[in-house]
């Protein structure tokens, strides 16, 4: 998944008020800071990607119970 597609998924999840976002096995190497805008998010699924760092904005996800 390229950055443009990832940003669109994040924006759509925000518009829809999603509490769960599944991004597993998408070849993601970096999460954009916009992930921190998903204030309702309770679950963020990231397995099977190539992440080496997580954005500081992840700390704003105060409802997150599963990563």
N, C-alpha and C. Protein backbone atom coordinates (compact mmCIF):
# COMPACT_ATOMS: atom_id res chain seq x y z
N UNK A 1 0.85 -1.16 0.00
CA UNK A 1 0.00 0.00 0.00
C UNK A 1 0.90 1.23 0.00
N UNK A 2 0.66 2.15 -0.94
CA UNK A 2 1.48 3.35 -0.97
C UNK A 2 0.93 4.40 0.00
N UNK A 3 1.70 5.45 0.21
CA UNK A 3 1.35 6.47 1.19
C UNK A 3 0.01 7.12 0.89
N UNK A 4 -0.26 7.39 -0.36
CA UNK A 4 -1.52 8.03 -0.75
C UNK A 4 -2.72 7.16 -0.37
N UNK A 5 -2.63 5.87 -0.65
CA UNK A 5 -3.71 4.94 -0.29
C UNK A 5 -3.86 4.84 1.23
N UNK A 6 -2.74 4.81 1.93
CA UNK A 6 -2.76 4.72 3.37
C UNK A 6 -3.43 5.96 3.98
N UNK A 7 -3.06 7.13 3.49
CA UNK A 7 -3.68 8.36 3.98
C UNK A 7 -5.18 8.37 3.72
N UNK A 8 -5.59 7.87 2.57
CA UNK A 8 -7.03 7.81 2.26
C UNK A 8 -7.75 6.85 3.21
N UNK A 9 -7.13 5.72 3.51
CA UNK A 9 -7.75 4.77 4.48
C UNK A 9 -7.89 5.41 5.84
N UNK A 10 -6.89 6.17 6.26
CA UNK A 10 -6.93 6.84 7.56
C UNK A 10 -8.03 7.91 7.56
N UNK A 11 -8.10 8.70 6.50
CA UNK A 11 -9.14 9.74 6.40
C UNK A 11 -10.53 9.12 6.41
N UNK A 12 -10.70 8.03 5.68
CA UNK A 12 -12.01 7.36 5.63
C UNK A 12 -12.38 6.81 7.01
N UNK A 13 -11.42 6.22 7.70
CA UNK A 13 -11.68 5.70 9.04
C UNK A 13 -12.08 6.83 9.99
N UNK A 14 -11.46 7.99 9.83
CA UNK A 14 -11.79 9.15 10.65
C UNK A 14 -13.21 9.62 10.35
N UNK A 15 -13.55 9.74 9.07
CA UNK A 15 -14.90 10.17 8.66
C UNK A 15 -15.97 9.22 9.17
N UNK A 16 -15.66 7.93 9.14
CA UNK A 16 -16.64 6.91 9.53
C UNK A 16 -16.66 6.66 11.04
N UNK A 17 -15.76 7.28 11.78
CA UNK A 17 -15.70 7.08 13.23
C UNK A 17 -15.32 5.67 13.61
N UNK A 18 -14.46 5.06 12.80
CA UNK A 18 -14.04 3.68 13.04
C UNK A 18 -13.40 3.50 14.41
N UNK A 19 -13.65 2.36 15.02
CA UNK A 19 -12.99 2.01 16.28
C UNK A 19 -11.94 0.93 16.04
N UNK A 20 -11.91 0.38 14.83
CA UNK A 20 -10.93 -0.67 14.48
C UNK A 20 -10.43 -0.41 13.07
N UNK A 21 -9.11 -0.45 12.91
CA UNK A 21 -8.51 -0.25 11.61
C UNK A 21 -7.53 -1.39 11.35
N UNK A 22 -7.77 -2.13 10.29
CA UNK A 22 -6.92 -3.28 9.94
C UNK A 22 -6.03 -2.88 8.77
N UNK A 23 -4.73 -2.87 9.03
CA UNK A 23 -3.74 -2.54 8.01
C UNK A 23 -2.68 -3.64 7.92
N UNK A 24 -3.04 -4.85 8.30
CA UNK A 24 -2.09 -5.96 8.28
C UNK A 24 -1.71 -6.39 6.88
N UNK A 25 -0.48 -6.86 6.74
CA UNK A 25 0.05 -7.39 5.48
C UNK A 25 -0.12 -6.45 4.29
N UNK A 26 0.20 -5.18 4.49
CA UNK A 26 0.04 -4.18 3.43
C UNK A 26 1.37 -3.63 2.92
N UNK A 27 2.48 -4.16 3.42
CA UNK A 27 3.79 -3.68 2.99
C UNK A 27 4.10 -2.27 3.47
N UNK A 28 3.48 -1.88 4.57
CA UNK A 28 3.68 -0.54 5.11
C UNK A 28 5.03 -0.46 5.81
N UNK A 29 5.81 0.55 5.48
CA UNK A 29 7.11 0.74 6.11
C UNK A 29 7.10 1.91 7.10
N UNK A 30 6.09 2.77 6.99
CA UNK A 30 6.01 3.94 7.86
C UNK A 30 4.56 4.35 8.03
N UNK A 31 4.17 4.65 9.26
CA UNK A 31 2.83 5.16 9.51
C UNK A 31 2.88 6.68 9.51
N UNK A 32 1.98 7.32 8.77
CA UNK A 32 1.97 8.78 8.78
C UNK A 32 1.45 9.34 10.10
N UNK A 33 1.82 10.55 10.41
CA UNK A 33 1.40 11.21 11.66
C UNK A 33 -0.12 11.30 11.75
N UNK A 34 -0.81 11.31 10.62
CA UNK A 34 -2.27 11.43 10.60
C UNK A 34 -2.98 10.30 11.34
N UNK A 35 -2.28 9.21 11.58
CA UNK A 35 -2.87 8.10 12.33
C UNK A 35 -3.30 8.58 13.72
N UNK A 36 -2.64 9.59 14.24
CA UNK A 36 -2.96 10.15 15.54
C UNK A 36 -4.29 10.89 15.58
N UNK A 37 -4.90 11.13 14.42
CA UNK A 37 -6.20 11.82 14.35
C UNK A 37 -7.37 10.89 14.64
N UNK A 38 -7.12 9.60 14.71
CA UNK A 38 -8.21 8.62 14.87
C UNK A 38 -8.54 8.45 16.35
N UNK A 39 -9.12 9.46 16.93
CA UNK A 39 -9.33 9.50 18.38
C UNK A 39 -10.27 8.42 18.90
N UNK A 40 -11.13 7.88 18.06
CA UNK A 40 -12.06 6.83 18.50
C UNK A 40 -11.46 5.42 18.40
N UNK A 41 -10.30 5.33 17.81
CA UNK A 41 -9.70 4.03 17.53
C UNK A 41 -9.43 3.24 18.81
N UNK A 42 -9.91 2.01 18.84
CA UNK A 42 -9.67 1.10 19.96
C UNK A 42 -8.70 -0.01 19.58
N UNK A 43 -8.72 -0.39 18.28
CA UNK A 43 -7.84 -1.46 17.81
C UNK A 43 -7.15 -1.02 16.52
N UNK A 44 -5.85 -1.23 16.47
CA UNK A 44 -5.07 -0.95 15.28
C UNK A 44 -4.27 -2.20 14.96
N UNK A 45 -4.58 -2.80 13.82
CA UNK A 45 -3.95 -4.07 13.41
C UNK A 45 -2.88 -3.76 12.37
N UNK A 46 -1.64 -4.12 12.71
CA UNK A 46 -0.49 -3.78 11.85
C UNK A 46 0.40 -4.98 11.52
N UNK A 47 -0.03 -6.20 11.83
CA UNK A 47 0.85 -7.36 11.63
C UNK A 47 1.29 -7.48 10.17
N UNK A 48 2.44 -8.08 9.98
CA UNK A 48 2.93 -8.40 8.64
C UNK A 48 3.44 -7.22 7.84
N UNK A 49 3.76 -6.12 8.47
CA UNK A 49 4.32 -4.96 7.78
C UNK A 49 5.80 -4.82 8.11
N UNK A 50 6.43 -3.82 7.58
CA UNK A 50 7.87 -3.62 7.77
C UNK A 50 8.14 -2.35 8.57
N UNK A 51 7.36 -2.10 9.61
CA UNK A 51 7.51 -0.90 10.43
C UNK A 51 8.75 -0.99 11.31
N UNK A 52 9.52 0.08 11.35
CA UNK A 52 10.68 0.13 12.23
C UNK A 52 10.52 1.21 13.30
N UNK A 53 9.51 2.06 13.13
CA UNK A 53 9.27 3.15 14.06
C UNK A 53 7.77 3.47 14.04
N UNK A 54 7.28 4.01 15.12
CA UNK A 54 5.88 4.44 15.19
C UNK A 54 5.84 5.94 15.44
N UNK A 55 4.88 6.64 14.82
CA UNK A 55 4.83 8.09 14.99
C UNK A 55 4.41 8.48 16.41
N UNK A 56 4.90 9.62 16.86
CA UNK A 56 4.56 10.11 18.20
C UNK A 56 3.06 10.31 18.36
N UNK A 57 2.36 10.62 17.26
CA UNK A 57 0.92 10.84 17.30
C UNK A 57 0.14 9.63 17.78
N UNK A 58 0.76 8.48 17.76
CA UNK A 58 0.10 7.28 18.25
C UNK A 58 -0.26 7.44 19.73
N UNK A 59 0.49 8.24 20.43
CA UNK A 59 0.23 8.50 21.84
C UNK A 59 -1.07 9.27 22.08
N UNK A 60 -1.62 9.90 21.04
CA UNK A 60 -2.90 10.61 21.16
C UNK A 60 -4.09 9.69 21.08
N UNK A 61 -3.85 8.43 20.77
CA UNK A 61 -4.95 7.46 20.64
C UNK A 61 -5.29 6.90 22.02
N UNK A 62 -5.94 7.71 22.82
CA UNK A 62 -6.19 7.37 24.21
C UNK A 62 -7.20 6.25 24.40
N UNK A 63 -7.99 5.91 23.36
CA UNK A 63 -8.94 4.81 23.45
C UNK A 63 -8.35 3.50 22.96
N UNK A 64 -7.11 3.54 22.45
CA UNK A 64 -6.47 2.35 21.89
C UNK A 64 -6.20 1.32 22.98
N UNK A 65 -6.77 0.13 22.79
CA UNK A 65 -6.56 -0.95 23.75
C UNK A 65 -5.83 -2.12 23.14
N UNK A 66 -5.79 -2.20 21.81
CA UNK A 66 -5.10 -3.30 21.13
C UNK A 66 -4.28 -2.76 19.98
N UNK A 67 -3.01 -3.09 19.98
CA UNK A 67 -2.09 -2.69 18.90
C UNK A 67 -1.43 -3.94 18.38
